[in-house]
Structure formats: C-alpha cells, structure tokens
C-alpha cells in the first residue's frame, strides 16, 4: 500500500501502474497482480486507504464532542481547521482524475459522502441546518482540494465559523 502512495505522490495517477508499484515495493509484478489486477484496482486501494486515514482522524477529533448534538459535524469542522497540504491537493486531484477511467473510485467517494451525510443528519439537533452546513463545508473543501482557490487564513477561519453558526443559530420562528 505504501508503494502505491509513493508512486502516486511522485508520478501522479498517470504514472501509476503495476510495474511502477512493483518497482517501488521491491517485489515482482506478479506479486502486485496477485493483489491488484489492474491500475484501477491500485487506485481504488489508494482511495480506500486515504478514506481510512480520514475516518481515523475524524473519529479522533469527534471524540471531543461525544454526547453533544452534531458531534460528527463538529468533528468535521474541527478537522477542516487545517488547510489542505500540497500533498492533499495532489492526492485529491489524482483521485478526481481517476473518475473518468473507472467508476470504482467514484463509487467509493460517493459512498463516503453518503455515509457522512446520513451520520450528520442522524446526529443533528436540526437535520436541515446540519445538511446545509455539511454542504457548505464540502463546497469550501472542494474549492481548496481541487486547487481552484486557497482561502487566506483569516477568511478561511471566518468561513468555518459561519458554517458552524448554521448549526448553532436559533431556528427562525414560523
């Protein structure tokens, strides 16, 4: 798995191949083929590993909000206080690039988003506001992770505070 990440970091998705992974791992191509029969399988394993790391970190930060409404969403907001690194951005772009080749990675990411949204709304004091905050948070992250825009630190902090306020704001009277 480390070899897959090393190849993607160094050569991007275009350089990802069974041969490149075998070379990076110091093993035979047939050993890689045994575990991953295609470039798409290599990329899916890469995406799965990144998702596992993300969820490990999210669970760690979410622990601070245990027992509170919107715990997972609060954990997501806390997790997003740090801007994505250049490596995060290049990995996100590599994953996005893979969507045109195969649906496996798109399905993995889609299932991840679906599960996150279900958890956010299930735990929410106000599911409608939580869903809106989740969508706003993903809009901010998409702009950054896909390299379209990097918010200056103070503006980013304010945006995260504004997103958090969507959840904590009093409901309008009807």
N, C-alpha and C. Protein backbone atom coordinates (compact mmCIF):
# COMPACT_ATOMS: atom_id res chain seq x y z
N UNK A 1 0.82 -1.19 0.00
CA UNK A 1 0.00 0.00 0.00
C UNK A 1 0.87 1.26 0.00
N UNK A 2 1.95 1.25 0.77
CA UNK A 2 2.85 2.40 0.80
C UNK A 2 3.45 2.66 -0.58
N UNK A 3 3.70 1.59 -1.32
CA UNK A 3 4.27 1.74 -2.66
C UNK A 3 3.30 2.44 -3.59
N UNK A 4 2.02 2.13 -3.46
CA UNK A 4 1.00 2.79 -4.30
C UNK A 4 1.02 4.29 -4.02
N UNK A 5 1.01 4.65 -2.74
CA UNK A 5 1.03 6.07 -2.38
C UNK A 5 2.30 6.75 -2.87
N UNK A 6 3.42 6.07 -2.75
CA UNK A 6 4.69 6.65 -3.20
C UNK A 6 4.66 6.93 -4.70
N UNK A 7 4.13 6.00 -5.46
CA UNK A 7 4.06 6.18 -6.92
C UNK A 7 3.12 7.34 -7.26
N UNK A 8 1.96 7.41 -6.63
CA UNK A 8 1.01 8.49 -6.92
C UNK A 8 1.61 9.84 -6.54
N UNK A 9 2.27 9.90 -5.38
CA UNK A 9 2.91 11.16 -4.97
C UNK A 9 3.98 11.60 -5.96
N UNK A 10 4.77 10.65 -6.40
CA UNK A 10 5.91 11.00 -7.25
C UNK A 10 5.52 11.21 -8.72
N UNK A 11 4.61 10.38 -9.22
CA UNK A 11 4.31 10.41 -10.66
C UNK A 11 2.86 10.73 -10.99
N UNK A 12 2.01 10.89 -9.99
CA UNK A 12 0.60 11.14 -10.25
C UNK A 12 -0.09 9.88 -10.74
N UNK A 13 -1.37 10.01 -11.02
CA UNK A 13 -2.16 8.87 -11.48
C UNK A 13 -1.65 8.36 -12.82
N UNK A 14 -1.19 9.25 -13.66
CA UNK A 14 -0.69 8.84 -14.98
C UNK A 14 0.48 7.87 -14.84
N UNK A 15 1.27 8.01 -13.80
CA UNK A 15 2.43 7.14 -13.60
C UNK A 15 2.14 5.89 -12.80
N UNK A 16 0.90 5.75 -12.35
CA UNK A 16 0.53 4.58 -11.56
C UNK A 16 0.35 3.37 -12.47
N UNK A 17 1.11 2.34 -12.19
CA UNK A 17 0.99 1.10 -12.96
C UNK A 17 1.44 -0.05 -12.07
N UNK A 18 1.10 -1.23 -12.47
CA UNK A 18 1.51 -2.42 -11.73
C UNK A 18 3.04 -2.47 -11.68
N UNK A 19 3.68 -2.18 -12.80
CA UNK A 19 5.14 -2.20 -12.85
C UNK A 19 5.76 -1.16 -11.91
N UNK A 20 5.21 0.05 -11.90
CA UNK A 20 5.75 1.11 -11.04
C UNK A 20 5.58 0.76 -9.56
N UNK A 21 4.45 0.18 -9.21
CA UNK A 21 4.21 -0.21 -7.81
C UNK A 21 5.16 -1.35 -7.42
N UNK A 22 5.33 -2.31 -8.31
CA UNK A 22 6.24 -3.42 -8.03
C UNK A 22 7.66 -2.89 -7.81
N UNK A 23 8.08 -1.97 -8.66
CA UNK A 23 9.41 -1.39 -8.54
C UNK A 23 9.55 -0.64 -7.21
N UNK A 24 8.54 0.16 -6.86
CA UNK A 24 8.58 0.93 -5.61
C UNK A 24 8.57 0.02 -4.38
N UNK A 25 7.87 -1.10 -4.48
CA UNK A 25 7.78 -2.03 -3.35
C UNK A 25 8.96 -3.01 -3.31
N UNK A 26 9.69 -3.09 -4.41
CA UNK A 26 10.79 -4.02 -4.48
C UNK A 26 10.33 -5.47 -4.58
N UNK A 27 9.21 -5.67 -5.27
CA UNK A 27 8.67 -7.02 -5.44
C UNK A 27 8.39 -7.26 -6.92
N UNK A 28 8.02 -8.47 -7.27
CA UNK A 28 7.75 -8.79 -8.67
C UNK A 28 6.38 -8.26 -9.10
N UNK A 29 6.26 -8.04 -10.41
CA UNK A 29 4.97 -7.61 -10.97
C UNK A 29 3.88 -8.63 -10.66
N UNK A 30 4.23 -9.91 -10.72
CA UNK A 30 3.21 -10.94 -10.48
C UNK A 30 2.67 -10.86 -9.05
N UNK A 31 3.50 -10.45 -8.12
CA UNK A 31 3.02 -10.27 -6.73
C UNK A 31 1.99 -9.14 -6.66
N UNK A 32 2.24 -8.07 -7.39
CA UNK A 32 1.29 -6.95 -7.41
C UNK A 32 0.01 -7.37 -8.12
N UNK A 33 0.15 -8.08 -9.24
CA UNK A 33 -1.02 -8.54 -9.99
C UNK A 33 -1.88 -9.46 -9.13
N UNK A 34 -1.24 -10.27 -8.29
CA UNK A 34 -1.98 -11.18 -7.42
C UNK A 34 -2.94 -10.41 -6.52
N UNK A 35 -2.49 -9.26 -5.99
CA UNK A 35 -3.32 -8.46 -5.09
C UNK A 35 -4.18 -7.43 -5.82
N UNK A 36 -3.65 -6.89 -6.90
CA UNK A 36 -4.33 -5.82 -7.65
C UNK A 36 -4.22 -6.14 -9.12
N UNK A 37 -5.31 -6.51 -9.73
CA UNK A 37 -5.23 -6.98 -11.12
C UNK A 37 -5.24 -5.88 -12.17
N UNK A 38 -5.31 -4.61 -11.75
CA UNK A 38 -5.35 -3.53 -12.74
C UNK A 38 -4.95 -2.21 -12.08
N UNK A 39 -4.71 -1.23 -12.93
CA UNK A 39 -4.41 0.12 -12.44
C UNK A 39 -5.60 0.66 -11.63
N UNK A 40 -6.81 0.37 -12.11
CA UNK A 40 -7.99 0.84 -11.38
C UNK A 40 -8.08 0.22 -9.99
N UNK A 41 -7.68 -1.04 -9.86
CA UNK A 41 -7.68 -1.68 -8.54
C UNK A 41 -6.63 -1.04 -7.64
N UNK A 42 -5.48 -0.67 -8.21
CA UNK A 42 -4.45 0.03 -7.45
C UNK A 42 -4.99 1.38 -6.95
N UNK A 43 -5.64 2.09 -7.83
CA UNK A 43 -6.17 3.40 -7.48
C UNK A 43 -7.28 3.28 -6.44
N UNK A 44 -8.14 2.27 -6.58
CA UNK A 44 -9.20 2.05 -5.60
C UNK A 44 -8.59 1.75 -4.22
N UNK A 45 -7.52 0.98 -4.18
CA UNK A 45 -6.85 0.69 -2.92
C UNK A 45 -6.27 1.97 -2.31
N UNK A 46 -5.73 2.82 -3.16
CA UNK A 46 -5.19 4.10 -2.73
C UNK A 46 -6.30 4.96 -2.11
N UNK A 47 -7.43 5.05 -2.80
CA UNK A 47 -8.57 5.84 -2.31
C UNK A 47 -9.07 5.26 -0.99
N UNK A 48 -9.20 3.95 -0.92
CA UNK A 48 -9.68 3.30 0.30
C UNK A 48 -8.76 3.62 1.48
N UNK A 49 -7.47 3.57 1.25
CA UNK A 49 -6.51 3.86 2.31
C UNK A 49 -6.62 5.32 2.77
N UNK A 50 -6.77 6.23 1.83
CA UNK A 50 -6.93 7.65 2.18
C UNK A 50 -8.21 7.86 2.99
N UNK A 51 -9.28 7.18 2.60
CA UNK A 51 -10.53 7.30 3.34
C UNK A 51 -10.39 6.75 4.76
N UNK A 52 -9.70 5.63 4.89
CA UNK A 52 -9.49 5.06 6.23
C UNK A 52 -8.72 6.03 7.12
N UNK A 53 -7.70 6.66 6.57
CA UNK A 53 -6.94 7.66 7.35
C UNK A 53 -7.82 8.84 7.74
N UNK A 54 -8.63 9.29 6.78
CA UNK A 54 -9.53 10.41 7.06
C UNK A 54 -10.48 10.05 8.20
N UNK A 55 -11.06 8.87 8.16
CA UNK A 55 -12.02 8.50 9.19
C UNK A 55 -11.35 8.25 10.54
N UNK A 56 -10.14 7.74 10.54
CA UNK A 56 -9.41 7.60 11.81
C UNK A 56 -9.23 8.96 12.46
N UNK A 57 -8.82 9.93 11.65
CA UNK A 57 -8.62 11.29 12.16
C UNK A 57 -9.95 11.92 12.58
N UNK A 58 -10.98 11.74 11.78
CA UNK A 58 -12.29 12.30 12.13
C UNK A 58 -12.82 11.72 13.45
N UNK A 59 -12.67 10.43 13.62
CA UNK A 59 -13.12 9.81 14.88
C UNK A 59 -12.33 10.35 16.05
N UNK A 60 -11.05 10.56 15.86
CA UNK A 60 -10.21 11.10 16.93
C UNK A 60 -10.68 12.49 17.35
N UNK A 61 -10.93 13.37 16.39
CA UNK A 61 -11.35 14.73 16.75
C UNK A 61 -12.81 14.77 17.19
N UNK A 62 -13.61 13.85 16.70
CA UNK A 62 -15.03 13.82 17.07
C UNK A 62 -15.22 13.40 18.53
N UNK A 63 -14.28 12.65 19.08
CA UNK A 63 -14.37 12.21 20.48
C UNK A 63 -14.58 13.39 21.43
N UNK A 64 -14.02 14.53 21.10
CA UNK A 64 -14.16 15.72 21.95
C UNK A 64 -15.60 16.20 22.03
N UNK A 65 -16.44 15.78 21.10
CA UNK A 65 -17.83 16.24 21.04
C UNK A 65 -18.82 15.14 21.43
N UNK A 66 -18.32 14.02 21.93
CA UNK A 66 -19.18 12.90 22.29
C UNK A 66 -20.29 13.35 23.23
N UNK A 67 -21.51 12.92 22.92
CA UNK A 67 -22.66 13.26 23.74
C UNK A 67 -23.32 14.58 23.39
N UNK A 68 -22.71 15.32 22.51
CA UNK A 68 -23.27 16.61 22.10
C UNK A 68 -24.02 16.44 20.78
N UNK A 69 -25.02 17.29 20.53
CA UNK A 69 -25.65 17.24 19.21
C UNK A 69 -24.62 17.63 18.15
N UNK A 70 -24.78 17.07 16.99
CA UNK A 70 -23.92 17.43 15.85
C UNK A 70 -22.46 17.08 16.09
N UNK A 71 -22.20 16.03 16.85
CA UNK A 71 -20.81 15.67 17.20
C UNK A 71 -19.95 15.42 15.97
N UNK A 72 -20.45 14.63 15.03
CA UNK A 72 -19.65 14.30 13.85
C UNK A 72 -19.41 15.54 13.00
N UNK A 73 -20.43 16.35 12.82
CA UNK A 73 -20.28 17.59 12.05
C UNK A 73 -19.29 18.52 12.74
N UNK A 74 -19.35 18.61 14.06
CA UNK A 74 -18.38 19.42 14.79
C UNK A 74 -16.97 18.87 14.59
N UNK A 75 -16.86 17.55 14.59
CA UNK A 75 -15.57 16.92 14.33
C UNK A 75 -15.06 17.25 12.93
N UNK A 76 -15.97 17.24 11.95
CA UNK A 76 -15.60 17.58 10.58
C UNK A 76 -15.10 19.03 10.52
N UNK A 77 -15.81 19.92 11.19
CA UNK A 77 -15.40 21.33 11.20
C UNK A 77 -14.03 21.48 11.85
N UNK A 78 -13.80 20.78 12.95
CA UNK A 78 -12.50 20.83 13.62
C UNK A 78 -11.42 20.28 12.70
N UNK A 79 -11.72 19.16 12.07
CA UNK A 79 -10.76 18.54 11.15
C UNK A 79 -10.38 19.49 10.02
N UNK A 80 -11.32 20.31 9.60
CA UNK A 80 -11.10 21.21 8.46
C UNK A 80 -10.46 22.54 8.86
N UNK A 81 -10.12 22.70 10.13
CA UNK A 81 -9.47 23.96 10.50
C UNK A 81 -8.10 24.09 9.88
N UNK A 82 -7.51 22.96 9.53
CA UNK A 82 -6.21 23.00 8.85
C UNK A 82 -6.43 22.94 7.35
N UNK A 83 -5.85 23.87 6.65
CA UNK A 83 -5.94 23.89 5.19
C UNK A 83 -5.29 22.64 4.61
N UNK A 84 -5.77 22.18 3.46
CA UNK A 84 -5.13 21.02 2.85
C UNK A 84 -3.70 21.34 2.42
N UNK A 85 -2.85 20.34 2.58
CA UNK A 85 -1.45 20.49 2.16
C UNK A 85 -1.35 20.31 0.65
N UNK A 86 -0.20 20.63 0.11
CA UNK A 86 0.03 20.40 -1.32
C UNK A 86 -0.15 18.92 -1.66
N UNK A 87 0.29 18.05 -0.75
CA UNK A 87 0.13 16.61 -0.97
C UNK A 87 -1.35 16.22 -0.98
N UNK A 88 -2.14 16.79 -0.03
CA UNK A 88 -3.58 16.52 -0.01
C UNK A 88 -4.22 16.93 -1.32
N UNK A 89 -3.84 18.09 -1.81
CA UNK A 89 -4.41 18.61 -3.05
C UNK A 89 -4.02 17.71 -4.22
N UNK A 90 -2.77 17.30 -4.28
CA UNK A 90 -2.37 16.46 -5.40
C UNK A 90 -3.05 15.09 -5.32
N UNK A 91 -3.26 14.56 -4.12
CA UNK A 91 -3.98 13.29 -3.99
C UNK A 91 -5.44 13.45 -4.42
N UNK A 92 -6.07 14.54 -4.01
CA UNK A 92 -7.46 14.78 -4.40
C UNK A 92 -7.59 14.90 -5.91
N UNK A 93 -6.64 15.57 -6.52
CA UNK A 93 -6.68 15.72 -7.98
C UNK A 93 -6.45 14.37 -8.65
N UNK A 94 -5.56 13.55 -8.08
CA UNK A 94 -5.31 12.22 -8.63
C UNK A 94 -6.57 11.37 -8.56
N UNK A 95 -7.25 11.44 -7.44
CA UNK A 95 -8.49 10.68 -7.29
C UNK A 95 -9.54 11.16 -8.27
N UNK A 96 -9.69 12.46 -8.39
CA UNK A 96 -10.67 13.03 -9.30
C UNK A 96 -10.38 12.63 -10.74
N UNK A 97 -9.12 12.64 -11.11
CA UNK A 97 -8.73 12.24 -12.45
C UNK A 97 -9.15 10.81 -12.75
N UNK A 98 -9.11 9.97 -11.74
CA UNK A 98 -9.46 8.56 -11.93
C UNK A 98 -10.93 8.35 -12.26
N UNK A 99 -11.77 9.31 -11.96
CA UNK A 99 -13.20 9.15 -12.18
C UNK A 99 -13.55 8.92 -13.64
N UNK A 100 -12.74 9.44 -14.54
CA UNK A 100 -13.06 9.28 -15.96
C UNK A 100 -12.69 7.88 -16.47
N UNK A 101 -11.80 7.19 -15.75
CA UNK A 101 -11.35 5.87 -16.19
C UNK A 101 -12.22 4.73 -15.68
N UNK A 102 -12.78 4.89 -14.49
CA UNK A 102 -13.45 3.77 -13.84
C UNK A 102 -14.40 4.31 -12.78
N UNK A 103 -15.51 3.64 -12.58
CA UNK A 103 -16.47 4.11 -11.58
C UNK A 103 -16.13 3.68 -10.16
N UNK A 104 -15.16 2.80 -9.97
CA UNK A 104 -14.87 2.27 -8.64
C UNK A 104 -14.54 3.36 -7.65
N UNK A 105 -13.65 4.26 -8.01
CA UNK A 105 -13.27 5.34 -7.09
C UNK A 105 -14.42 6.31 -6.88
N UNK A 106 -15.16 6.59 -7.91
CA UNK A 106 -16.33 7.47 -7.78
C UNK A 106 -17.33 6.84 -6.81
N UNK A 107 -17.53 5.54 -6.91
CA UNK A 107 -18.46 4.85 -6.01
C UNK A 107 -17.95 4.86 -4.57
N UNK A 108 -16.65 4.66 -4.38
CA UNK A 108 -16.08 4.73 -3.03
C UNK A 108 -16.30 6.11 -2.42
N UNK A 109 -16.00 7.14 -3.18
CA UNK A 109 -16.18 8.50 -2.68
C UNK A 109 -17.66 8.82 -2.46
N UNK A 110 -18.50 8.38 -3.38
CA UNK A 110 -19.94 8.61 -3.23
C UNK A 110 -20.48 7.95 -1.97
N UNK A 111 -20.06 6.72 -1.71
CA UNK A 111 -20.50 6.01 -0.51
C UNK A 111 -20.00 6.73 0.75
N UNK A 112 -18.79 7.26 0.68
CA UNK A 112 -18.24 8.00 1.81
C UNK A 112 -19.07 9.26 2.09
N UNK A 113 -19.36 10.02 1.06
CA UNK A 113 -20.17 11.23 1.23
C UNK A 113 -21.57 10.89 1.74
N UNK A 114 -22.15 9.85 1.17
CA UNK A 114 -23.50 9.44 1.59
C UNK A 114 -23.51 9.06 3.06
N UNK A 115 -22.53 8.25 3.47
CA UNK A 115 -22.44 7.85 4.87
C UNK A 115 -22.24 9.04 5.80
N UNK A 116 -21.38 9.97 5.39
CA UNK A 116 -21.15 11.17 6.20
C UNK A 116 -22.44 11.97 6.35
N UNK A 117 -23.13 12.19 5.26
CA UNK A 117 -24.36 12.98 5.32
C UNK A 117 -25.41 12.29 6.17
N UNK A 118 -25.54 10.98 6.04
CA UNK A 118 -26.50 10.25 6.87
C UNK A 118 -26.16 10.39 8.35
N UNK A 119 -24.88 10.27 8.67
CA UNK A 119 -24.47 10.40 10.07
C UNK A 119 -24.69 11.82 10.58
N UNK A 120 -24.35 12.80 9.77
CA UNK A 120 -24.54 14.20 10.16
C UNK A 120 -26.01 14.47 10.46
N UNK A 121 -26.90 14.05 9.57
CA UNK A 121 -28.32 14.34 9.78
C UNK A 121 -28.91 13.51 10.92
N UNK A 122 -28.43 12.29 11.10
CA UNK A 122 -28.93 11.44 12.18
C UNK A 122 -28.58 12.03 13.55
N UNK A 123 -27.38 12.57 13.69
CA UNK A 123 -26.92 13.11 14.97
C UNK A 123 -27.39 14.55 15.21
N UNK A 124 -27.98 15.17 14.23
CA UNK A 124 -28.24 16.61 14.29
C UNK A 124 -29.42 16.99 15.16
N UNK A 125 -29.27 18.10 15.84
CA UNK A 125 -30.38 18.70 16.56
C UNK A 125 -31.39 19.25 15.54
N UNK A 126 -30.88 19.78 14.44
CA UNK A 126 -31.71 20.31 13.35
C UNK A 126 -31.12 19.76 12.05
N UNK A 127 -31.67 18.62 11.57
CA UNK A 127 -31.09 17.97 10.38
C UNK A 127 -30.99 18.87 9.15
N UNK A 128 -31.96 19.75 8.96
CA UNK A 128 -31.93 20.62 7.79
C UNK A 128 -30.72 21.57 7.83
N UNK A 129 -30.49 22.17 8.98
CA UNK A 129 -29.34 23.07 9.13
C UNK A 129 -28.02 22.29 9.05
N UNK A 130 -28.01 21.12 9.63
CA UNK A 130 -26.79 20.30 9.60
C UNK A 130 -26.46 19.92 8.17
N UNK A 131 -27.47 19.57 7.39
CA UNK A 131 -27.25 19.21 5.98
C UNK A 131 -26.71 20.42 5.21
N UNK A 132 -27.24 21.59 5.47
CA UNK A 132 -26.77 22.81 4.83
C UNK A 132 -25.31 23.10 5.22
N UNK A 133 -24.99 22.95 6.51
CA UNK A 133 -23.61 23.17 6.97
C UNK A 133 -22.67 22.15 6.33
N UNK A 134 -23.11 20.90 6.25
CA UNK A 134 -22.29 19.86 5.62
C UNK A 134 -22.00 20.21 4.16
N UNK A 135 -23.05 20.65 3.44
CA UNK A 135 -22.87 21.02 2.03
C UNK A 135 -21.94 22.23 1.89
N UNK A 136 -22.09 23.22 2.76
CA UNK A 136 -21.22 24.39 2.71
C UNK A 136 -19.77 24.01 3.01
N UNK A 137 -19.57 23.14 3.98
CA UNK A 137 -18.23 22.69 4.32
C UNK A 137 -17.59 21.96 3.15
N UNK A 138 -18.36 21.11 2.48
CA UNK A 138 -17.82 20.40 1.33
C UNK A 138 -17.58 21.32 0.14
N UNK A 139 -18.36 22.38 0.03
CA UNK A 139 -18.10 23.37 -1.01
C UNK A 139 -16.75 24.05 -0.78
N UNK A 140 -16.49 24.46 0.45
CA UNK A 140 -15.21 25.07 0.79
C UNK A 140 -14.07 24.09 0.51
N UNK A 141 -14.23 22.85 0.99
CA UNK A 141 -13.17 21.86 0.80
C UNK A 141 -12.95 21.54 -0.68
N UNK A 142 -14.01 21.47 -1.45
CA UNK A 142 -13.86 21.18 -2.88
C UNK A 142 -13.05 22.26 -3.58
N UNK A 143 -13.34 23.51 -3.28
CA UNK A 143 -12.58 24.60 -3.88
C UNK A 143 -11.09 24.47 -3.57
N UNK A 144 -10.79 24.12 -2.32
CA UNK A 144 -9.39 24.02 -1.92
C UNK A 144 -8.73 22.74 -2.41
N UNK A 145 -9.37 21.61 -2.19
CA UNK A 145 -8.75 20.33 -2.55
C UNK A 145 -8.59 20.16 -4.05
N UNK A 146 -9.44 20.78 -4.82
CA UNK A 146 -9.31 20.67 -6.27
C UNK A 146 -8.45 21.78 -6.85
N UNK A 147 -7.88 22.60 -5.97
CA UNK A 147 -6.93 23.61 -6.39
C UNK A 147 -7.53 24.81 -7.08
N UNK A 148 -8.83 25.01 -6.92
CA UNK A 148 -9.47 26.16 -7.57
C UNK A 148 -9.22 27.46 -6.81
N UNK A 149 -9.16 27.36 -5.47
CA UNK A 149 -8.99 28.57 -4.68
C UNK A 149 -8.45 28.20 -3.30
N UNK A 150 -7.50 28.99 -2.82
CA UNK A 150 -7.00 28.84 -1.46
C UNK A 150 -7.40 30.08 -0.69
N UNK A 151 -8.20 29.88 0.32
CA UNK A 151 -8.64 30.99 1.14
C UNK A 151 -7.51 31.49 2.02
N UNK A 152 -7.36 32.80 2.14
CA UNK A 152 -6.40 33.32 3.11
C UNK A 152 -6.82 32.83 4.51
N UNK A 153 -5.86 32.61 5.41
CA UNK A 153 -6.17 32.00 6.71
C UNK A 153 -7.31 32.67 7.47
N UNK A 154 -7.31 33.98 7.55
CA UNK A 154 -8.36 34.66 8.32
C UNK A 154 -9.73 34.49 7.66
N UNK A 155 -9.77 34.58 6.35
CA UNK A 155 -11.04 34.38 5.63
C UNK A 155 -11.53 32.94 5.82
N UNK A 156 -10.61 32.00 5.79
CA UNK A 156 -10.96 30.59 5.99
C UNK A 156 -11.54 30.36 7.38
N UNK A 157 -10.88 30.94 8.40
CA UNK A 157 -11.39 30.82 9.77
C UNK A 157 -12.80 31.39 9.87
N UNK A 158 -13.02 32.53 9.22
CA UNK A 158 -14.35 33.16 9.27
C UNK A 158 -15.39 32.29 8.55
N UNK A 159 -15.02 31.74 7.42
CA UNK A 159 -15.95 30.85 6.71
C UNK A 159 -16.33 29.64 7.56
N UNK A 160 -15.35 29.02 8.21
CA UNK A 160 -15.64 27.88 9.08
C UNK A 160 -16.53 28.29 10.24
N UNK A 161 -16.30 29.48 10.79
CA UNK A 161 -17.16 29.97 11.88
C UNK A 161 -18.57 30.21 11.36
N UNK A 162 -18.68 30.76 10.15
CA UNK A 162 -20.01 30.99 9.56
C UNK A 162 -20.74 29.66 9.31
N UNK A 163 -20.00 28.66 8.84
CA UNK A 163 -20.60 27.34 8.61
C UNK A 163 -21.05 26.75 9.94
N UNK A 164 -20.22 26.85 10.96
CA UNK A 164 -20.59 26.34 12.28
C UNK A 164 -21.83 27.05 12.81
N UNK A 165 -21.95 28.33 12.52
CA UNK A 165 -23.11 29.09 13.02
C UNK A 165 -24.41 28.65 12.36
N UNK A 166 -24.32 28.02 11.18
CA UNK A 166 -25.53 27.50 10.55
C UNK A 166 -26.19 26.46 11.45
N UNK A 167 -25.38 25.72 12.17
CA UNK A 167 -25.90 24.67 13.03
C UNK A 167 -26.36 25.22 14.36
N UNK A 168 -25.65 26.21 14.91
CA UNK A 168 -25.94 26.69 16.24
C UNK A 168 -26.90 27.87 16.28
N UNK A 169 -27.24 28.43 15.13
CA UNK A 169 -28.14 29.59 15.09
C UNK A 169 -29.54 29.18 15.54
N UNK A 170 -30.23 30.08 16.22
CA UNK A 170 -31.61 29.75 16.63
C UNK A 170 -32.50 29.60 15.39
N UNK A 171 -33.44 28.70 15.48
CA UNK A 171 -34.37 28.49 14.37
C UNK A 171 -35.28 29.69 14.24
N UNK A 172 -35.57 30.09 12.99
CA UNK A 172 -36.49 31.21 12.81
C UNK A 172 -37.90 30.81 13.25
N UNK A 173 -38.62 31.75 13.81
CA UNK A 173 -39.99 31.42 14.24
C UNK A 173 -40.88 31.31 13.02
N UNK A 174 -41.84 30.41 13.12
CA UNK A 174 -42.73 30.19 11.97
C UNK A 174 -44.04 30.87 12.17
